[in-house]
N, C-alpha and C. Protein backbone atom coordinates (compact mmCIF):
# COMPACT_ATOMS: atom_id res chain seq x y z
N MET A 1 -19.70 -17.28 -2.40
CA MET A 1 -19.69 -15.83 -2.42
C MET A 1 -18.50 -15.31 -1.62
N ILE A 2 -18.04 -14.18 -2.04
CA ILE A 2 -16.91 -13.55 -1.37
C ILE A 2 -17.44 -12.55 -0.35
N THR A 3 -16.83 -12.54 0.83
CA THR A 3 -17.20 -11.58 1.87
C THR A 3 -15.94 -10.84 2.32
N TRP A 4 -16.13 -9.89 3.22
CA TRP A 4 -14.99 -9.13 3.72
C TRP A 4 -14.05 -9.99 4.54
N VAL A 5 -14.53 -11.13 5.02
CA VAL A 5 -13.67 -12.03 5.77
C VAL A 5 -12.53 -12.53 4.87
N ARG A 6 -12.82 -12.71 3.58
CA ARG A 6 -11.81 -13.16 2.63
C ARG A 6 -11.08 -11.99 1.98
N LEU A 7 -11.64 -10.80 1.99
CA LEU A 7 -11.05 -9.66 1.28
C LEU A 7 -10.28 -8.69 2.15
N TRP A 8 -10.25 -8.89 3.46
CA TRP A 8 -9.58 -7.90 4.33
C TRP A 8 -8.11 -7.70 3.99
N PRO A 9 -7.37 -8.70 3.48
CA PRO A 9 -5.98 -8.41 3.12
C PRO A 9 -5.85 -7.37 2.00
N LEU A 10 -6.89 -7.20 1.20
CA LEU A 10 -6.88 -6.18 0.16
C LEU A 10 -6.69 -4.80 0.76
N LEU A 11 -7.29 -4.55 1.90
CA LEU A 11 -7.18 -3.24 2.53
C LEU A 11 -5.78 -2.96 3.07
N LEU A 12 -5.05 -4.01 3.42
CA LEU A 12 -3.71 -3.84 3.97
C LEU A 12 -2.61 -3.98 2.93
N SER A 13 -2.97 -4.25 1.68
CA SER A 13 -1.95 -4.51 0.67
C SER A 13 -0.98 -3.35 0.46
N PRO A 14 -1.40 -2.07 0.41
CA PRO A 14 -0.40 -1.01 0.25
C PRO A 14 0.59 -0.96 1.42
N LEU A 15 0.11 -1.17 2.63
CA LEU A 15 0.98 -1.16 3.80
C LEU A 15 2.01 -2.28 3.71
N LEU A 16 1.57 -3.47 3.32
CA LEU A 16 2.48 -4.60 3.23
C LEU A 16 3.50 -4.42 2.11
N VAL A 17 3.06 -3.93 0.96
CA VAL A 17 3.97 -3.76 -0.18
C VAL A 17 5.02 -2.69 0.13
N ILE A 18 4.59 -1.55 0.64
CA ILE A 18 5.53 -0.47 0.94
C ILE A 18 6.49 -0.89 2.05
N SER A 19 5.99 -1.59 3.07
CA SER A 19 6.86 -2.06 4.14
C SER A 19 7.88 -3.07 3.62
N PHE A 20 7.44 -3.97 2.76
CA PHE A 20 8.36 -4.95 2.19
C PHE A 20 9.43 -4.28 1.34
N LEU A 21 9.04 -3.32 0.51
CA LEU A 21 10.02 -2.63 -0.32
C LEU A 21 10.99 -1.80 0.51
N SER A 22 10.57 -1.35 1.67
CA SER A 22 11.44 -0.56 2.54
C SER A 22 12.47 -1.40 3.28
N VAL A 23 12.17 -2.66 3.50
CA VAL A 23 13.04 -3.53 4.30
C VAL A 23 14.11 -4.21 3.45
N ILE A 24 13.92 -4.26 2.14
CA ILE A 24 14.89 -4.94 1.26
C ILE A 24 16.27 -4.31 1.45
N PRO A 25 17.31 -5.11 1.61
CA PRO A 25 18.65 -4.55 1.75
C PRO A 25 19.11 -3.86 0.46
N VAL A 26 20.00 -2.91 0.61
CA VAL A 26 20.52 -2.17 -0.53
C VAL A 26 21.54 -3.04 -1.26
N PHE A 27 21.43 -3.10 -2.60
CA PHE A 27 22.37 -3.86 -3.42
C PHE A 27 22.58 -3.12 -4.74
N THR A 28 23.60 -3.53 -5.47
CA THR A 28 23.96 -2.87 -6.72
C THR A 28 23.75 -3.83 -7.89
N VAL A 29 23.10 -3.34 -8.94
CA VAL A 29 22.90 -4.09 -10.17
C VAL A 29 23.35 -3.22 -11.33
N ARG A 30 24.46 -3.61 -11.97
CA ARG A 30 24.99 -2.86 -13.13
C ARG A 30 25.13 -1.37 -12.84
N ASP A 31 25.80 -1.04 -11.80
CA ASP A 31 26.07 0.35 -11.39
C ASP A 31 24.82 1.12 -10.97
N HIS A 32 23.74 0.43 -10.68
CA HIS A 32 22.51 1.05 -10.16
C HIS A 32 22.29 0.56 -8.73
N ILE A 33 22.10 1.49 -7.83
CA ILE A 33 21.86 1.13 -6.43
C ILE A 33 20.36 0.92 -6.25
N LEU A 34 19.99 -0.25 -5.76
CA LEU A 34 18.59 -0.60 -5.54
C LEU A 34 18.42 -1.07 -4.11
N GLY A 35 17.19 -1.06 -3.64
CA GLY A 35 16.91 -1.59 -2.30
C GLY A 35 16.07 -0.65 -1.47
N GLY A 36 15.91 -1.00 -0.21
CA GLY A 36 15.02 -0.30 0.69
C GLY A 36 15.39 1.14 0.97
N GLY A 37 16.68 1.40 1.17
CA GLY A 37 17.10 2.77 1.46
C GLY A 37 16.79 3.72 0.32
N VAL A 38 16.99 3.26 -0.90
CA VAL A 38 16.69 4.08 -2.07
C VAL A 38 15.18 4.31 -2.17
N PHE A 39 14.40 3.27 -1.87
CA PHE A 39 12.94 3.41 -1.93
C PHE A 39 12.43 4.37 -0.87
N VAL A 40 12.99 4.30 0.34
CA VAL A 40 12.57 5.22 1.40
C VAL A 40 12.93 6.66 1.03
N GLU A 41 14.11 6.86 0.46
CA GLU A 41 14.48 8.20 0.00
C GLU A 41 13.54 8.70 -1.08
N TRP A 42 13.15 7.80 -1.99
CA TRP A 42 12.21 8.18 -3.05
C TRP A 42 10.87 8.60 -2.44
N LEU A 43 10.36 7.81 -1.47
CA LEU A 43 9.11 8.17 -0.79
C LEU A 43 9.24 9.53 -0.11
N LEU A 44 10.36 9.74 0.53
CA LEU A 44 10.59 11.00 1.23
C LEU A 44 10.61 12.17 0.24
N ASN A 45 11.34 12.03 -0.85
CA ASN A 45 11.47 13.11 -1.81
C ASN A 45 10.21 13.36 -2.63
N ARG A 46 9.49 12.31 -2.97
CA ARG A 46 8.33 12.45 -3.88
C ARG A 46 7.01 12.65 -3.16
N ILE A 47 6.89 12.14 -1.95
CA ILE A 47 5.58 12.19 -1.28
C ILE A 47 5.58 13.12 -0.07
N LEU A 48 6.56 12.95 0.82
CA LEU A 48 6.51 13.67 2.09
C LEU A 48 7.01 15.11 1.99
N LEU A 49 8.16 15.32 1.38
CA LEU A 49 8.73 16.68 1.34
C LEU A 49 7.88 17.69 0.59
N PRO A 50 7.23 17.34 -0.53
CA PRO A 50 6.36 18.33 -1.17
C PRO A 50 5.17 18.77 -0.32
N LEU A 51 4.78 17.96 0.66
CA LEU A 51 3.63 18.31 1.51
C LEU A 51 4.01 19.19 2.69
N LEU A 52 5.28 19.17 3.07
CA LEU A 52 5.72 19.91 4.26
C LEU A 52 6.15 21.33 3.91
N PRO A 53 6.02 22.26 4.86
CA PRO A 53 6.61 23.59 4.67
C PRO A 53 8.13 23.47 4.57
N TRP A 54 8.77 24.48 3.99
CA TRP A 54 10.19 24.42 3.71
C TRP A 54 11.02 24.18 4.97
N GLU A 55 10.71 24.86 6.07
CA GLU A 55 11.49 24.73 7.29
C GLU A 55 11.40 23.31 7.85
N GLN A 56 10.20 22.78 7.91
CA GLN A 56 10.04 21.42 8.44
C GLN A 56 10.64 20.39 7.50
N GLY A 57 10.53 20.63 6.20
CA GLY A 57 11.16 19.72 5.24
C GLY A 57 12.67 19.71 5.40
N ASN A 58 13.26 20.88 5.62
CA ASN A 58 14.70 20.97 5.82
C ASN A 58 15.11 20.25 7.10
N GLN A 59 14.35 20.39 8.17
CA GLN A 59 14.64 19.69 9.41
C GLN A 59 14.54 18.17 9.22
N LEU A 60 13.54 17.74 8.46
CA LEU A 60 13.37 16.31 8.21
C LEU A 60 14.55 15.76 7.40
N VAL A 61 15.00 16.49 6.42
CA VAL A 61 16.15 16.04 5.62
C VAL A 61 17.39 15.95 6.48
N GLN A 62 17.61 16.93 7.36
CA GLN A 62 18.77 16.87 8.26
C GLN A 62 18.67 15.69 9.21
N TRP A 63 17.48 15.44 9.74
CA TRP A 63 17.28 14.30 10.63
C TRP A 63 17.49 12.99 9.89
N PHE A 64 16.95 12.90 8.68
CA PHE A 64 17.03 11.67 7.90
C PHE A 64 18.48 11.35 7.51
N SER A 65 19.28 12.38 7.26
CA SER A 65 20.67 12.13 6.85
C SER A 65 21.48 11.51 7.99
N GLY A 66 21.06 11.68 9.22
CA GLY A 66 21.76 11.08 10.35
C GLY A 66 20.98 9.98 11.03
N ALA A 67 19.89 9.54 10.41
CA ALA A 67 19.02 8.53 11.05
C ALA A 67 19.65 7.15 10.96
N SER A 68 19.37 6.34 11.96
CA SER A 68 19.81 4.95 11.95
C SER A 68 18.87 4.13 11.07
N TYR A 69 19.21 2.86 10.89
CA TYR A 69 18.39 1.97 10.07
C TYR A 69 17.00 1.80 10.66
N GLY A 70 16.91 1.67 11.96
CA GLY A 70 15.61 1.53 12.63
C GLY A 70 14.75 2.77 12.49
N GLN A 71 15.37 3.95 12.63
CA GLN A 71 14.62 5.20 12.46
C GLN A 71 14.15 5.35 11.02
N GLU A 72 14.98 4.92 10.08
CA GLU A 72 14.60 4.97 8.67
C GLU A 72 13.40 4.07 8.41
N LEU A 73 13.40 2.88 9.02
CA LEU A 73 12.27 1.96 8.85
C LEU A 73 11.00 2.50 9.51
N MET A 74 11.15 3.17 10.66
CA MET A 74 9.98 3.76 11.32
C MET A 74 9.37 4.87 10.46
N LEU A 75 10.22 5.68 9.84
CA LEU A 75 9.73 6.72 8.95
C LEU A 75 9.02 6.09 7.76
N ALA A 76 9.58 5.02 7.21
CA ALA A 76 8.94 4.33 6.08
C ALA A 76 7.59 3.74 6.50
N LEU A 77 7.53 3.19 7.71
CA LEU A 77 6.28 2.62 8.20
C LEU A 77 5.22 3.70 8.37
N LEU A 78 5.61 4.86 8.91
CA LEU A 78 4.66 5.96 9.06
C LEU A 78 4.16 6.46 7.71
N MET A 79 5.06 6.55 6.72
CA MET A 79 4.62 6.96 5.38
C MET A 79 3.71 5.91 4.77
N ALA A 80 4.02 4.63 5.00
CA ALA A 80 3.18 3.55 4.48
C ALA A 80 1.79 3.59 5.10
N LEU A 81 1.71 3.87 6.40
CA LEU A 81 0.40 3.97 7.05
C LEU A 81 -0.42 5.12 6.48
N ASN A 82 0.23 6.25 6.23
CA ASN A 82 -0.48 7.39 5.66
C ASN A 82 -0.94 7.12 4.23
N ILE A 83 -0.09 6.50 3.44
CA ILE A 83 -0.48 6.17 2.07
C ILE A 83 -1.63 5.17 2.08
N THR A 84 -1.57 4.18 2.97
CA THR A 84 -2.65 3.20 3.08
C THR A 84 -3.95 3.87 3.49
N ALA A 85 -3.89 4.80 4.41
CA ALA A 85 -5.10 5.52 4.84
C ALA A 85 -5.69 6.33 3.69
N LEU A 86 -4.84 6.90 2.85
CA LEU A 86 -5.34 7.66 1.70
C LEU A 86 -5.96 6.77 0.64
N ILE A 87 -5.42 5.58 0.45
CA ILE A 87 -5.90 4.66 -0.59
C ILE A 87 -7.07 3.81 -0.10
N MET A 88 -7.30 3.77 1.19
CA MET A 88 -8.33 2.91 1.78
C MET A 88 -9.72 3.08 1.17
N PRO A 89 -10.23 4.30 0.93
CA PRO A 89 -11.57 4.40 0.32
C PRO A 89 -11.64 3.77 -1.07
N VAL A 90 -10.58 3.89 -1.85
CA VAL A 90 -10.57 3.28 -3.19
C VAL A 90 -10.57 1.76 -3.07
N LEU A 91 -9.76 1.23 -2.16
CA LEU A 91 -9.70 -0.21 -1.96
C LEU A 91 -11.02 -0.75 -1.42
N TYR A 92 -11.66 0.02 -0.54
CA TYR A 92 -12.96 -0.39 -0.02
C TYR A 92 -13.99 -0.45 -1.15
N GLY A 93 -13.96 0.55 -2.02
CA GLY A 93 -14.87 0.54 -3.16
C GLY A 93 -14.62 -0.64 -4.08
N LEU A 94 -13.35 -0.96 -4.33
CA LEU A 94 -13.04 -2.13 -5.15
C LEU A 94 -13.52 -3.41 -4.49
N GLY A 95 -13.34 -3.52 -3.19
CA GLY A 95 -13.82 -4.70 -2.46
C GLY A 95 -15.33 -4.83 -2.54
N GLU A 96 -16.03 -3.73 -2.36
CA GLU A 96 -17.49 -3.75 -2.47
C GLU A 96 -17.94 -4.17 -3.88
N LEU A 97 -17.23 -3.69 -4.89
CA LEU A 97 -17.54 -4.06 -6.27
C LEU A 97 -17.33 -5.54 -6.50
N VAL A 98 -16.24 -6.09 -6.00
CA VAL A 98 -15.96 -7.52 -6.14
C VAL A 98 -17.02 -8.34 -5.42
N ILE A 99 -17.39 -7.93 -4.22
CA ILE A 99 -18.43 -8.66 -3.47
C ILE A 99 -19.76 -8.60 -4.21
N TRP A 100 -20.12 -7.44 -4.73
CA TRP A 100 -21.39 -7.31 -5.45
C TRP A 100 -21.39 -8.14 -6.72
N LEU A 101 -20.29 -8.11 -7.47
CA LEU A 101 -20.23 -8.89 -8.71
C LEU A 101 -20.31 -10.39 -8.46
N THR A 102 -19.60 -10.87 -7.46
CA THR A 102 -19.66 -12.31 -7.18
C THR A 102 -21.05 -12.71 -6.69
N ALA A 103 -21.69 -11.88 -5.89
CA ALA A 103 -23.05 -12.18 -5.43
C ALA A 103 -24.01 -12.16 -6.62
N PHE A 104 -23.84 -11.21 -7.52
CA PHE A 104 -24.71 -11.10 -8.69
C PHE A 104 -24.58 -12.34 -9.58
N PHE A 105 -23.35 -12.74 -9.88
CA PHE A 105 -23.16 -13.90 -10.75
C PHE A 105 -23.59 -15.20 -10.08
N THR A 106 -23.40 -15.32 -8.78
CA THR A 106 -23.87 -16.50 -8.06
C THR A 106 -25.38 -16.58 -8.07
N ARG A 107 -26.03 -15.43 -7.86
CA ARG A 107 -27.49 -15.38 -7.89
C ARG A 107 -28.03 -15.75 -9.27
N LYS A 108 -27.41 -15.20 -10.33
CA LYS A 108 -27.85 -15.51 -11.69
C LYS A 108 -27.64 -16.99 -12.01
N GLU A 109 -26.53 -17.56 -11.53
CA GLU A 109 -26.27 -18.97 -11.77
C GLU A 109 -27.33 -19.84 -11.10
N LEU A 110 -27.70 -19.49 -9.87
CA LEU A 110 -28.74 -20.24 -9.17
C LEU A 110 -30.10 -20.09 -9.86
N GLU A 111 -30.41 -18.89 -10.34
CA GLU A 111 -31.67 -18.69 -11.06
C GLU A 111 -31.72 -19.52 -12.33
N LEU A 112 -30.60 -19.59 -13.06
CA LEU A 112 -30.55 -20.40 -14.28
C LEU A 112 -30.70 -21.89 -13.97
N LYS A 113 -30.11 -22.35 -12.88
CA LYS A 113 -30.25 -23.75 -12.49
C LYS A 113 -31.70 -24.05 -12.11
N ARG A 114 -32.35 -23.15 -11.41
CA ARG A 114 -33.75 -23.35 -11.02
C ARG A 114 -34.65 -23.39 -12.24
N GLN A 115 -34.39 -22.49 -13.18
CA GLN A 115 -35.21 -22.47 -14.42
C GLN A 115 -35.01 -23.73 -15.24
N SER A 116 -33.78 -24.24 -15.29
CA SER A 116 -33.52 -25.44 -16.08
C SER A 116 -34.13 -26.68 -15.42
N MET A 117 -34.28 -26.67 -14.12
CA MET A 117 -34.87 -27.81 -13.43
C MET A 117 -36.39 -27.83 -13.53
N ARG A 118 -37.01 -26.73 -13.88
CA ARG A 118 -38.47 -26.67 -13.98
C ARG A 118 -38.95 -27.31 -15.21
């Protein structure tokens, strides 16, 4: 049977994926710029800026344009933590479903074995 001891990495998967994508160095493929900096900018433009008031969003953009690599990674980590916190209830529900299904099928398998032995 599966328990939370084996499923806890499921809860951290968004944090790990977003952090990994943020750390990748920037590179060019066929005139397309790819990598962590582009991903962090995408997170900033698509997730964070629409949630902030205009003044604070403008201050964040000015700060981000002069931020160092470490500050950029810290911002990405903070966004990853917030996204993980938002997705956590869904991941918990999926984990509970997986645990229930494995327990159900294990129980049915044992019942069938007991019936066949009688």
